Amino acid sequence: MRKRHVPQRSCVICGTKTTKLELVRVVLVTEGDCVIDETGKRAGRGAYLCHQPSCWETASKSDRLARALRGQVKSEDRKMLADYGASLAVKS
Protein backbone atom coordinates (compact mmCIF):
# COMPACT_ATOMS: atom_id res chain seq x y z
CA MET A 1 0.00 0.00 0.00
CA ARG A 2 1.33 3.41 -0.95
CA LYS A 3 1.57 6.06 1.77
CA ARG A 4 -0.55 9.16 1.11
CA HIS A 5 1.27 12.49 0.72
CA VAL A 6 0.49 15.00 3.48
CA PRO A 7 1.25 18.64 2.54
CA GLN A 8 3.64 20.47 4.89
CA ARG A 9 3.57 24.22 5.56
CA SER A 10 5.49 26.61 7.83
CA CYS A 11 4.23 29.31 10.17
CA VAL A 12 5.38 32.65 8.71
CA ILE A 13 6.14 33.99 12.19
CA CYS A 14 7.92 31.24 14.15
CA GLY A 15 8.84 28.91 11.28
CA THR A 16 7.28 25.80 12.82
CA LYS A 17 6.85 23.24 10.05
CA THR A 18 3.85 20.93 10.34
CA THR A 19 0.96 19.55 8.31
CA LYS A 20 -1.21 21.98 6.43
CA LEU A 21 -4.31 20.98 8.43
CA GLU A 22 -2.70 21.93 11.76
CA LEU A 23 -2.08 25.54 10.70
CA VAL A 24 -4.49 28.40 10.07
CA ARG A 25 -4.45 30.05 6.63
CA VAL A 26 -4.72 33.82 6.35
CA VAL A 27 -5.61 35.15 2.89
CA LEU A 28 -5.22 38.55 1.27
CA VAL A 29 -8.22 38.65 -1.07
CA THR A 30 -8.43 40.75 -4.24
CA GLU A 31 -10.45 43.46 -2.47
CA GLY A 32 -7.40 44.11 -0.27
CA ASP A 33 -8.89 42.63 2.90
CA CYS A 34 -7.12 40.08 5.04
CA VAL A 35 -9.37 37.18 6.11
CA ILE A 36 -8.98 33.92 8.02
CA ASP A 37 -9.58 30.99 5.68
CA GLU A 38 -11.12 28.11 7.64
CA THR A 39 -11.43 25.89 4.54
CA GLY A 40 -7.93 26.48 3.20
CA LYS A 41 -9.29 26.90 -0.33
CA ARG A 42 -10.19 30.57 -0.60
CA ALA A 43 -8.82 32.44 -3.62
CA GLY A 44 -6.03 34.91 -2.94
CA ARG A 45 -2.49 35.07 -1.63
CA GLY A 46 -2.21 32.94 1.51
CA ALA A 47 0.11 32.50 4.46
CA TYR A 48 -0.02 30.10 7.39
CA LEU A 49 0.11 30.75 11.14
CA CYS A 50 0.31 28.21 13.94
CA HIS A 51 -2.08 28.09 16.89
CA GLN A 52 0.26 29.88 19.31
CA PRO A 53 -1.26 33.18 20.50
CA SER A 54 2.20 34.80 20.46
CA CYS A 55 2.46 34.23 16.69
CA TRP A 56 -0.90 35.91 16.14
CA GLU A 57 0.11 38.85 18.32
CA THR A 58 3.37 39.25 16.41
CA ALA A 59 1.52 38.96 13.09
CA SER A 60 -0.84 41.76 14.12
CA LYS A 61 2.01 44.08 15.17
CA SER A 62 4.81 43.43 12.67
CA ASP A 63 5.05 43.50 8.88
CA ARG A 64 6.11 39.85 8.50
CA LEU A 65 2.60 38.74 7.55
CA ALA A 66 2.26 41.61 5.06
CA ARG A 67 5.56 40.57 3.46
CA ALA A 68 4.41 36.95 3.21
CA LEU A 69 1.10 38.03 1.68
CA ARG A 70 2.89 40.49 -0.63
CA GLY A 71 0.49 43.29 0.23
CA GLN A 72 -0.70 45.68 2.91
CA VAL A 73 -2.56 44.50 6.00
CA LYS A 74 -5.05 47.16 7.10
CA SER A 75 -5.34 48.29 10.73
CA GLU A 76 -8.83 46.75 11.13
CA ASP A 77 -7.45 43.47 9.79
CA ARG A 78 -4.58 43.66 12.31
CA LYS A 79 -7.15 44.04 15.10
CA MET A 80 -9.06 41.02 13.77
CA LEU A 81 -5.85 38.96 13.82
CA ALA A 82 -5.08 40.05 17.39
CA ASP A 83 -8.63 39.15 18.49
CA TYR A 84 -8.36 35.72 16.85
CA GLY A 85 -5.05 35.14 18.64
CA ALA A 86 -6.63 36.17 21.94
CA SER A 87 -9.44 33.69 21.37
CA LEU A 88 -6.82 30.96 20.86
CA ALA A 89 -5.26 31.88 24.21
CA VAL A 90 -8.65 31.48 25.92
CA LYS A 91 -9.19 28.02 24.35
CA SER A 92 -5.78 26.73 25.54
PDB file of N, CA and C in Angstrom:
ATOM      1  N   MET A   1       0.839  -1.182   0.000  1.00  0.00           N
ATOM      2  CA  MET A   1       0.000   0.000   0.000  1.00  0.00           C
ATOM      3  C   MET A   1       0.882   1.243   0.000  1.00  0.00           C
ATOM      4  N   ARG A   2       0.567   2.178  -0.832  1.00  0.00           N
ATOM      5  CA  ARG A   2       1.334   3.410  -0.952  1.00  0.00           C
ATOM      6  C   ARG A   2       0.891   4.411   0.113  1.00  0.00           C
ATOM      7  N   LYS A   3       1.856   5.070   0.732  1.00  0.00           N
ATOM      8  CA  LYS A   3       1.572   6.056   1.767  1.00  0.00           C
ATOM      9  C   LYS A   3       1.089   7.359   1.117  1.00  0.00           C
ATOM     10  N   ARG A   4       0.034   7.941   1.650  1.00  0.00           N
ATOM     11  CA  ARG A   4      -0.547   9.157   1.109  1.00  0.00           C
ATOM     12  C   ARG A   4       0.307  10.371   1.467  1.00  0.00           C
ATOM     13  N   HIS A   5       0.492  11.270   0.515  1.00  0.00           N
ATOM     14  CA  HIS A   5       1.273  12.494   0.722  1.00  0.00           C
ATOM     15  C   HIS A   5       0.482  13.481   1.576  1.00  0.00           C
ATOM     16  N   VAL A   6       1.111  14.006   2.616  1.00  0.00           N
ATOM     17  CA  VAL A   6       0.488  15.003   3.479  1.00  0.00           C
ATOM     18  C   VAL A   6       1.244  16.316   3.288  1.00  0.00           C
ATOM     19  N   PRO A   7       0.567  17.376   2.786  1.00  0.00           N
ATOM     20  CA  PRO A   7       1.249  18.643   2.542  1.00  0.00           C
ATOM     21  C   PRO A   7       1.794  19.257   3.833  1.00  0.00           C
ATOM     22  N   GLN A   8       3.002  19.809   3.764  1.00  0.00           N
ATOM     23  CA  GLN A   8       3.644  20.468   4.891  1.00  0.00           C
ATOM     24  C   GLN A   8       3.700  21.968   4.616  1.00  0.00           C
ATOM     25  N   ARG A   9       3.473  22.765   5.648  1.00  0.00           N
ATOM     26  CA  ARG A   9       3.575  24.221   5.560  1.00  0.00           C
ATOM     27  C   ARG A   9       4.296  24.739   6.789  1.00  0.00           C
ATOM     28  N   SER A  10       4.783  25.989   6.711  1.00  0.00           N
ATOM     29  CA  SER A  10       5.488  26.608   7.830  1.00  0.00           C
ATOM     30  C   SER A  10       4.738  27.844   8.299  1.00  0.00           C
ATOM     31  N   CYS A  11       4.779  28.080   9.604  1.00  0.00           N
ATOM     32  CA  CYS A  11       4.230  29.308  10.170  1.00  0.00           C
ATOM     33  C   CYS A  11       5.140  30.453   9.734  1.00  0.00           C
ATOM     34  N   VAL A  12       4.569  31.539   9.209  1.00  0.00           N
ATOM     35  CA  VAL A  12       5.377  32.648   8.710  1.00  0.00           C
ATOM     36  C   VAL A  12       6.024  33.442   9.838  1.00  0.00           C
ATOM     37  N   ILE A  13       5.582  33.254  11.065  1.00  0.00           N
ATOM     38  CA  ILE A  13       6.142  33.994  12.188  1.00  0.00           C
ATOM     39  C   ILE A  13       7.244  33.192  12.889  1.00  0.00           C
ATOM     40  N   CYS A  14       6.932  32.004  13.374  1.00  0.00           N
ATOM     41  CA  CYS A  14       7.920  31.238  14.154  1.00  0.00           C
ATOM     42  C   CYS A  14       8.660  30.198  13.324  1.00  0.00           C
ATOM     43  N   GLY A  15       8.163  29.862  12.139  1.00  0.00           N
ATOM     44  CA  GLY A  15       8.837  28.911  11.276  1.00  0.00           C
ATOM     45  C   GLY A  15       8.558  27.456  11.584  1.00  0.00           C
ATOM     46  N   THR A  16       7.634  27.176  12.498  1.00  0.00           N
ATOM     47  CA  THR A  16       7.282  25.802  12.824  1.00  0.00           C
ATOM     48  C   THR A  16       6.712  25.115  11.592  1.00  0.00           C
ATOM     49  N   LYS A  17       7.298  23.976  11.221  1.00  0.00           N
ATOM     50  CA  LYS A  17       6.848  23.242  10.046  1.00  0.00           C
ATOM     51  C   LYS A  17       5.994  22.074  10.502  1.00  0.00           C
ATOM     52  N   THR A  18       4.779  21.995   9.972  1.00  0.00           N
ATOM     53  CA  THR A  18       3.846  20.931  10.337  1.00  0.00           C
ATOM     54  C   THR A  18       2.879  20.700   9.179  1.00  0.00           C
ATOM     55  N   THR A  19       1.914  19.822   9.372  1.00  0.00           N
ATOM     56  CA  THR A  19       0.957  19.548   8.306  1.00  0.00           C
ATOM     57  C   THR A  19       0.067  20.762   8.059  1.00  0.00           C
ATOM     58  N   LYS A  20      -0.382  20.858   6.851  1.00  0.00           N
ATOM     59  CA  LYS A  20      -1.214  21.985   6.425  1.00  0.00           C
ATOM     60  C   LYS A  20      -2.484  22.110   7.267  1.00  0.00           C
ATOM     61  N   LEU A  21      -3.052  20.981   7.666  1.00  0.00           N
ATOM     62  CA  LEU A  21      -4.307  20.982   8.427  1.00  0.00           C
ATOM     63  C   LEU A  21      -4.145  21.501   9.850  1.00  0.00           C
ATOM     64  N   GLU A  22      -2.929  21.476  10.396  1.00  0.00           N
ATOM     65  CA  GLU A  22      -2.697  21.931  11.761  1.00  0.00           C
ATOM     66  C   GLU A  22      -2.419  23.424  11.854  1.00  0.00           C
ATOM     67  N   LEU A  23      -2.333  24.102  10.728  1.00  0.00           N
ATOM     68  CA  LEU A  23      -2.075  25.540  10.695  1.00  0.00           C
ATOM     69  C   LEU A  23      -3.332  26.275  10.236  1.00  0.00           C
ATOM     70  N   VAL A  24      -3.361  27.568  10.478  1.00  0.00           N
ATOM     71  CA  VAL A  24      -4.489  28.403  10.071  1.00  0.00           C
ATOM     72  C   VAL A  24      -4.025  29.266   8.899  1.00  0.00           C
ATOM     73  N   ARG A  25      -4.799  29.271   7.825  1.00  0.00           N
ATOM     74  CA  ARG A  25      -4.451  30.049   6.626  1.00  0.00           C
ATOM     75  C   ARG A  25      -5.087  31.428   6.712  1.00  0.00           C
ATOM     76  N   VAL A  26      -4.262  32.430   6.438  1.00  0.00           N
ATOM     77  CA  VAL A  26      -4.720  33.822   6.352  1.00  0.00           C
ATOM     78  C   VAL A  26      -4.566  34.228   4.891  1.00  0.00           C
ATOM     79  N   VAL A  27      -5.602  34.838   4.316  1.00  0.00           N
ATOM     80  CA  VAL A  27      -5.614  35.150   2.892  1.00  0.00           C
ATOM     81  C   VAL A  27      -5.797  36.646   2.673  1.00  0.00           C
ATOM     82  N   LEU A  28      -5.029  37.184   1.733  1.00  0.00           N
ATOM     83  CA  LEU A  28      -5.222  38.549   1.267  1.00  0.00           C
ATOM     84  C   LEU A  28      -6.040  38.446  -0.016  1.00  0.00           C
ATOM     85  N   VAL A  29      -7.323  38.792   0.074  1.00  0.00           N
ATOM     86  CA  VAL A  29      -8.223  38.654  -1.073  1.00  0.00           C
ATOM     87  C   VAL A  29      -8.052  39.839  -2.010  1.00  0.00           C
ATOM     88  N   THR A  30      -8.623  39.732  -3.202  1.00  0.00           N
ATOM     89  CA  THR A  30      -8.433  40.752  -4.235  1.00  0.00           C
ATOM     90  C   THR A  30      -8.967  42.122  -3.841  1.00  0.00           C
ATOM     91  N   GLU A  31      -9.921  42.171  -2.920  1.00  0.00           N
ATOM     92  CA  GLU A  31     -10.453  43.458  -2.472  1.00  0.00           C
ATOM     93  C   GLU A  31      -9.477  44.179  -1.545  1.00  0.00           C
ATOM     94  N   GLY A  32      -8.395  43.512  -1.146  1.00  0.00           N
ATOM     95  CA  GLY A  32      -7.403  44.111  -0.268  1.00  0.00           C
ATOM     96  C   GLY A  32      -7.616  43.806   1.200  1.00  0.00           C
ATOM     97  N   ASP A  33      -8.621  42.996   1.514  1.00  0.00           N
ATOM     98  CA  ASP A  33      -8.894  42.632   2.902  1.00  0.00           C
ATOM     99  C   ASP A  33      -8.130  41.360   3.252  1.00  0.00           C
ATOM    100  N   CYS A  34      -7.805  41.248   4.519  1.00  0.00           N
ATOM    101  CA  CYS A  34      -7.120  40.078   5.040  1.00  0.00           C
ATOM    102  C   CYS A  34      -8.154  39.271   5.831  1.00  0.00           C
ATOM    103  N   VAL A  35      -8.352  38.003   5.464  1.00  0.00           N
ATOM    104  CA  VAL A  35      -9.370  37.179   6.110  1.00  0.00           C
ATOM    105  C   VAL A  35      -8.764  35.847   6.545  1.00  0.00           C
ATOM    106  N   ILE A  36      -9.379  35.242   7.557  1.00  0.00           N
ATOM    107  CA  ILE A  36      -8.982  33.921   8.016  1.00  0.00           C
ATOM    108  C   ILE A  36      -9.744  32.898   7.184  1.00  0.00           C
ATOM    109  N   ASP A  37      -9.007  31.980   6.580  1.00  0.00           N
ATOM    110  CA  ASP A  37      -9.582  30.989   5.684  1.00  0.00           C
ATOM    111  C   ASP A  37      -9.701  29.658   6.414  1.00  0.00           C
ATOM    112  N   GLU A  38     -10.886  29.352   6.896  1.00  0.00           N
ATOM    113  CA  GLU A  38     -11.120  28.106   7.635  1.00  0.00           C
ATOM    114  C   GLU A  38     -11.035  26.885   6.724  1.00  0.00           C
ATOM    115  N   THR A  39     -11.418  27.026   5.455  1.00  0.00           N
ATOM    116  CA  THR A  39     -11.434  25.888   4.541  1.00  0.00           C
ATOM    117  C   THR A  39     -10.070  25.614   3.921  1.00  0.00           C
ATOM    118  N   GLY A  40      -9.235  26.633   3.825  1.00  0.00           N
ATOM    119  CA  GLY A  40      -7.928  26.477   3.201  1.00  0.00           C
ATOM    120  C   GLY A  40      -7.983  26.511   1.688  1.00  0.00           C
ATOM    121  N   LYS A  41      -9.112  26.919   1.123  1.00  0.00           N
ATOM    122  CA  LYS A  41      -9.286  26.899  -0.327  1.00  0.00           C
ATOM    123  C   LYS A  41      -9.697  28.238  -0.919  1.00  0.00           C
ATOM    124  N   ARG A  42      -9.742  29.264  -0.115  1.00  0.00           N
ATOM    125  CA  ARG A  42     -10.193  30.569  -0.600  1.00  0.00           C
ATOM    126  C   ARG A  42      -9.175  31.150  -1.585  1.00  0.00           C
ATOM    127  N   ALA A  43      -9.681  31.836  -2.604  1.00  0.00           N
ATOM    128  CA  ALA A  43      -8.818  32.439  -3.615  1.00  0.00           C
ATOM    129  C   ALA A  43      -8.088  33.638  -3.027  1.00  0.00           C
ATOM    130  N   GLY A  44      -6.852  33.801  -3.408  1.00  0.00           N
ATOM    131  CA  GLY A  44      -6.034  34.914  -2.943  1.00  0.00           C
ATOM    132  C   GLY A  44      -4.692  34.433  -2.438  1.00  0.00           C
ATOM    133  N   ARG A  45      -3.837  35.381  -2.134  1.00  0.00           N
ATOM    134  CA  ARG A  45      -2.495  35.070  -1.629  1.00  0.00           C
ATOM    135  C   ARG A  45      -2.601  34.644  -0.171  1.00  0.00           C
ATOM    136  N   GLY A  46      -2.071  33.483   0.164  1.00  0.00           N
ATOM    137  CA  GLY A  46      -2.215  32.943   1.510  1.00  0.00           C
ATOM    138  C   GLY A  46      -0.907  32.785   2.251  1.00  0.00           C
ATOM    139  N   ALA A  47      -1.009  32.775   3.568  1.00  0.00           N
ATOM    140  CA  ALA A  47       0.112  32.501   4.459  1.00  0.00           C
ATOM    141  C   ALA A  47      -0.440  31.720   5.648  1.00  0.00           C
ATOM    142  N   TYR A  48       0.419  30.981   6.301  1.00  0.00           N
ATOM    143  CA  TYR A  48      -0.021  30.105   7.386  1.00  0.00           C
ATOM    144  C   TYR A  48       0.546  30.571   8.724  1.00  0.00           C
ATOM    145  N   LEU A  49      -0.286  30.447   9.766  1.00  0.00           N
ATOM    146  CA  LEU A  49       0.109  30.755  11.140  1.00  0.00           C
ATOM    147  C   LEU A  49      -0.252  29.568  12.018  1.00  0.00           C
ATOM    148  N   CYS A  50       0.594  29.304  13.020  1.00  0.00           N
ATOM    149  CA  CYS A  50       0.309  28.207  13.938  1.00  0.00           C
ATOM    150  C   CYS A  50      -0.703  28.669  14.993  1.00  0.00           C
ATOM    151  N   HIS A  51      -1.050  27.800  15.900  1.00  0.00           N
ATOM    152  CA  HIS A  51      -2.083  28.090  16.888  1.00  0.00           C
ATOM    153  C   HIS A  51      -1.545  28.767  18.146  1.00  0.00           C
ATOM    154  N   GLN A  52      -0.295  29.201  18.145  1.00  0.00           N
ATOM    155  CA  GLN A  52       0.258  29.881  19.311  1.00  0.00           C
ATOM    156  C   GLN A  52      -0.206  31.337  19.314  1.00  0.00           C
ATOM    157  N   PRO A  53      -0.795  31.797  20.421  1.00  0.00           N
ATOM    158  CA  PRO A  53      -1.257  33.185  20.495  1.00  0.00           C
ATOM    159  C   PRO A  53      -0.139  34.204  20.268  1.00  0.00           C
ATOM    160  N   SER A  54       1.084  33.866  20.649  1.00  0.00           N
ATOM    161  CA  SER A  54       2.200  34.798  20.457  1.00  0.00           C
ATOM    162  C   SER A  54       2.465  35.047  18.970  1.00  0.00           C
ATOM    163  N   CYS A  55       2.281  34.048  18.140  1.00  0.00           N
ATOM    164  CA  CYS A  55       2.462  34.234  16.694  1.00  0.00           C
ATOM    165  C   CYS A  55       1.403  35.174  16.131  1.00  0.00           C
ATOM    166  N   TRP A  56       0.179  35.043  16.619  1.00  0.00           N
ATOM    167  CA  TRP A  56      -0.903  35.914  16.139  1.00  0.00           C
ATOM    168  C   TRP A  56      -0.684  37.354  16.601  1.00  0.00           C
ATOM    169  N   GLU A  57      -0.181  37.516  17.812  1.00  0.00           N
ATOM    170  CA  GLU A  57       0.109  38.855  18.321  1.00  0.00           C
ATOM    171  C   GLU A  57       1.226  39.500  17.503  1.00  0.00           C
ATOM    172  N   THR A  58       2.270  38.742  17.224  1.00  0.00           N
ATOM    173  CA  THR A  58       3.371  39.253  16.409  1.00  0.00           C
ATOM    174  C   THR A  58       2.892  39.580  15.000  1.00  0.00           C
ATOM    175  N   ALA A  59       2.045  38.728  14.439  1.00  0.00           N
ATOM    176  CA  ALA A  59       1.519  38.965  13.090  1.00  0.00           C
ATOM    177  C   ALA A  59       0.695  40.243  13.031  1.00  0.00           C
ATOM    178  N   SER A  60      -0.003  40.553  14.123  1.00  0.00           N
ATOM    179  CA  SER A  60      -0.836  41.758  14.122  1.00  0.00           C
ATOM    180  C   SER A  60      -0.010  43.022  14.324  1.00  0.00           C
ATOM    181  N   LYS A  61       1.191  42.893  14.876  1.00  0.00           N
ATOM    182  CA  LYS A  61       2.009  44.075  15.172  1.00  0.00           C
ATOM    183  C   LYS A  61       3.136  44.317  14.173  1.00  0.00           C
ATOM    184  N   SER A  62       3.659  43.259  13.564  1.00  0.00           N
ATOM    185  CA  SER A  62       4.806  43.431  12.668  1.00  0.00           C
ATOM    186  C   SER A  62       4.364  43.372  11.201  1.00  0.00           C
ATOM    187  N   ASP A  63       5.330  43.537  10.314  1.00  0.00           N
ATOM    188  CA  ASP A  63       5.048  43.497   8.883  1.00  0.00           C
ATOM    189  C   ASP A  63       5.417  42.161   8.245  1.00  0.00           C
ATOM    190  N   ARG A  64       5.734  41.154   9.055  1.00  0.00           N
ATOM    191  CA  ARG A  64       6.111  39.854   8.501  1.00  0.00           C
ATOM    192  C   ARG A  64       4.973  39.212   7.719  1.00  0.00           C
ATOM    193  N   LEU A  65       3.756  39.321   8.242  1.00  0.00           N
ATOM    194  CA  LEU A  65       2.605  38.741   7.546  1.00  0.00           C
ATOM    195  C   LEU A  65       2.346  39.490   6.242  1.00  0.00           C
ATOM    196  N   ALA A  66       2.461  40.814   6.276  1.00  0.00           N
ATOM    197  CA  ALA A  66       2.259  41.611   5.056  1.00  0.00           C
ATOM    198  C   ALA A  66       3.282  41.234   3.992  1.00  0.00           C
ATOM    199  N   ARG A  67       4.521  40.986   4.396  1.00  0.00           N
ATOM    200  CA  ARG A  67       5.555  40.573   3.456  1.00  0.00           C
ATOM    201  C   ARG A  67       5.234  39.205   2.862  1.00  0.00           C
ATOM    202  N   ALA A  68       4.760  38.291   3.699  1.00  0.00           N
ATOM    203  CA  ALA A  68       4.409  36.951   3.214  1.00  0.00           C
ATOM    204  C   ALA A  68       3.219  37.001   2.268  1.00  0.00           C
ATOM    205  N   LEU A  69       2.288  37.905   2.529  1.00  0.00           N
ATOM    206  CA  LEU A  69       1.102  38.034   1.676  1.00  0.00           C
ATOM    207  C   LEU A  69       1.358  38.917   0.458  1.00  0.00           C
ATOM    208  N   ARG A  70       2.521  39.567   0.449  1.00  0.00           N
ATOM    209  CA  ARG A  70       2.891  40.492  -0.632  1.00  0.00           C
ATOM    210  C   ARG A  70       1.853  41.588  -0.829  1.00  0.00           C
ATOM    211  N   GLY A  71       1.467  42.206   0.272  1.00  0.00           N
ATOM    212  CA  GLY A  71       0.495  43.293   0.232  1.00  0.00           C
ATOM    213  C   GLY A  71       0.417  43.995   1.568  1.00  0.00           C
ATOM    214  N   GLN A  72      -0.507  44.920   1.678  1.00  0.00           N
ATOM    215  CA  GLN A  72      -0.698  45.679   2.908  1.00  0.00           C
ATOM    216  C   GLN A  72      -1.799  45.048   3.757  1.00  0.00           C
ATOM    217  N   VAL A  73      -1.547  44.978   5.068  1.00  0.00           N
ATOM    218  CA  VAL A  73      -2.556  44.501   6.004  1.00  0.00           C
ATOM    219  C   VAL A  73      -3.116  45.733   6.707  1.00  0.00           C
ATOM    220  N   LYS A  74      -4.405  45.972   6.543  1.00  0.00           N
ATOM    221  CA  LYS A  74      -5.051  47.159   7.101  1.00  0.00           C
ATOM    222  C   LYS A  74      -5.126  47.081   8.625  1.00  0.00           C
ATOM    223  N   SER A  75      -5.311  48.237   9.260  1.00  0.00           N
ATOM    224  CA  SER A  75      -5.344  48.292  10.726  1.00  0.00           C
ATOM    225  C   SER A  75      -6.527  47.504  11.292  1.00  0.00           C
ATOM    226  N   GLU A  76      -7.686  47.529  10.627  1.00  0.00           N
ATOM    227  CA  GLU A  76      -8.826  46.754  11.125  1.00  0.00           C
ATOM    228  C   GLU A  76      -8.581  45.247  10.981  1.00  0.00           C
ATOM    229  N   ASP A  77      -7.813  44.871   9.950  1.00  0.00           N
ATOM    230  CA  ASP A  77      -7.448  43.465   9.795  1.00  0.00           C
ATOM    231  C   ASP A  77      -6.441  43.042  10.862  1.00  0.00           C
ATOM    232  N   ARG A  78      -5.540  43.948  11.237  1.00  0.00           N
ATOM    233  CA  ARG A  78      -4.584  43.661  12.310  1.00  0.00           C
ATOM    234  C   ARG A  78      -5.318  43.432  13.627  1.00  0.00           C
ATOM    235  N   LYS A  79      -6.354  44.215  13.877  1.00  0.00           N
ATOM    236  CA  LYS A  79      -7.147  44.044  15.097  1.00  0.00           C
ATOM    237  C   LYS A  79      -7.863  42.693  15.073  1.00  0.00           C
ATOM    238  N   MET A  80      -8.389  42.309  13.907  1.00  0.00           N
ATOM    239  CA  MET A  80      -9.062  41.021  13.769  1.00  0.00           C
ATOM    240  C   MET A  80      -8.092  39.873  14.047  1.00  0.00           C
ATOM    241  N   LEU A  81      -6.867  39.989  13.569  1.00  0.00           N
ATOM    242  CA  LEU A  81      -5.851  38.965  13.816  1.00  0.00           C
ATOM    243  C   LEU A  81      -5.507  38.876  15.303  1.00  0.00           C
ATOM    244  N   ALA A  82      -5.379  40.026  15.953  1.00  0.00           N
ATOM    245  CA  ALA A  82      -5.078  40.049  17.386  1.00  0.00           C
ATOM    246  C   ALA A  82      -6.220  39.430  18.186  1.00  0.00           C
ATOM    247  N   ASP A  83      -7.462  39.725  17.800  1.00  0.00           N
ATOM    248  CA  ASP A  83      -8.630  39.149  18.487  1.00  0.00           C
ATOM    249  C   ASP A  83      -8.687  37.635  18.303  1.00  0.00           C
ATOM    250  N   TYR A  84      -8.356  37.167  17.098  1.00  0.00           N
ATOM    251  CA  TYR A  84      -8.361  35.722  16.848  1.00  0.00           C
ATOM    252  C   TYR A  84      -7.280  35.050  17.695  1.00  0.00           C
ATOM    253  N   GLY A  85      -6.120  35.673  17.804  1.00  0.00           N
ATOM    254  CA  GLY A  85      -5.047  35.142  18.639  1.00  0.00           C
ATOM    255  C   GLY A  85      -5.438  35.105  20.104  1.00  0.00           C
ATOM    256  N   ALA A  86      -6.152  36.143  20.551  1.00  0.00           N
ATOM    257  CA  ALA A  86      -6.630  36.173  21.937  1.00  0.00           C
ATOM    258  C   ALA A  86      -7.636  35.068  22.184  1.00  0.00           C
ATOM    259  N   SER A  87      -8.480  34.773  21.196  1.00  0.00           N
ATOM    260  CA  SER A  87      -9.443  33.691  21.374  1.00  0.00           C
ATOM    261  C   SER A  87      -8.733  32.328  21.442  1.00  0.00           C
ATOM    262  N   LEU A  88      -7.594  32.200  20.768  1.00  0.00           N
ATOM    263  CA  LEU A  88      -6.816  30.962  20.864  1.00  0.00           C
ATOM    264  C   LEU A  88      -6.220  30.803  22.254  1.00  0.00           C
ATOM    265  N   ALA A  89      -5.833  31.921  22.860  1.00  0.00           N
ATOM    266  CA  ALA A  89      -5.256  31.883  24.208  1.00  0.00           C
ATOM    267  C   ALA A  89      -6.307  31.440  25.217  1.00  0.00           C
ATOM    268  N   VAL A  90      -7.560  31.848  25.017  1.00  0.00           N
ATOM    269  CA  VAL A  90      -8.646  31.476  25.915  1.00  0.00           C
ATOM    270  C   VAL A  90      -8.945  29.980  25.804  1.00  0.00           C
ATOM    271  N   LYS A  91      -8.887  29.429  24.580  1.00  0.00           N
ATOM    272  CA  LYS A  91      -9.186  28.016  24.349  1.00  0.00           C
ATOM    273  C   LYS A  91      -8.127  27.102  24.962  1.00  0.00           C
ATOM    274  N   SER A  92      -6.884  27.574  25.036  1.00  0.00           N
ATOM    275  CA  SER A  92      -5.778  26.735  25.544  1.00  0.00           C
ATOM    276  C   SER A  92      -5.837  26.493  27.011  1.00  0.00           C
TER     277      SER A  92
END
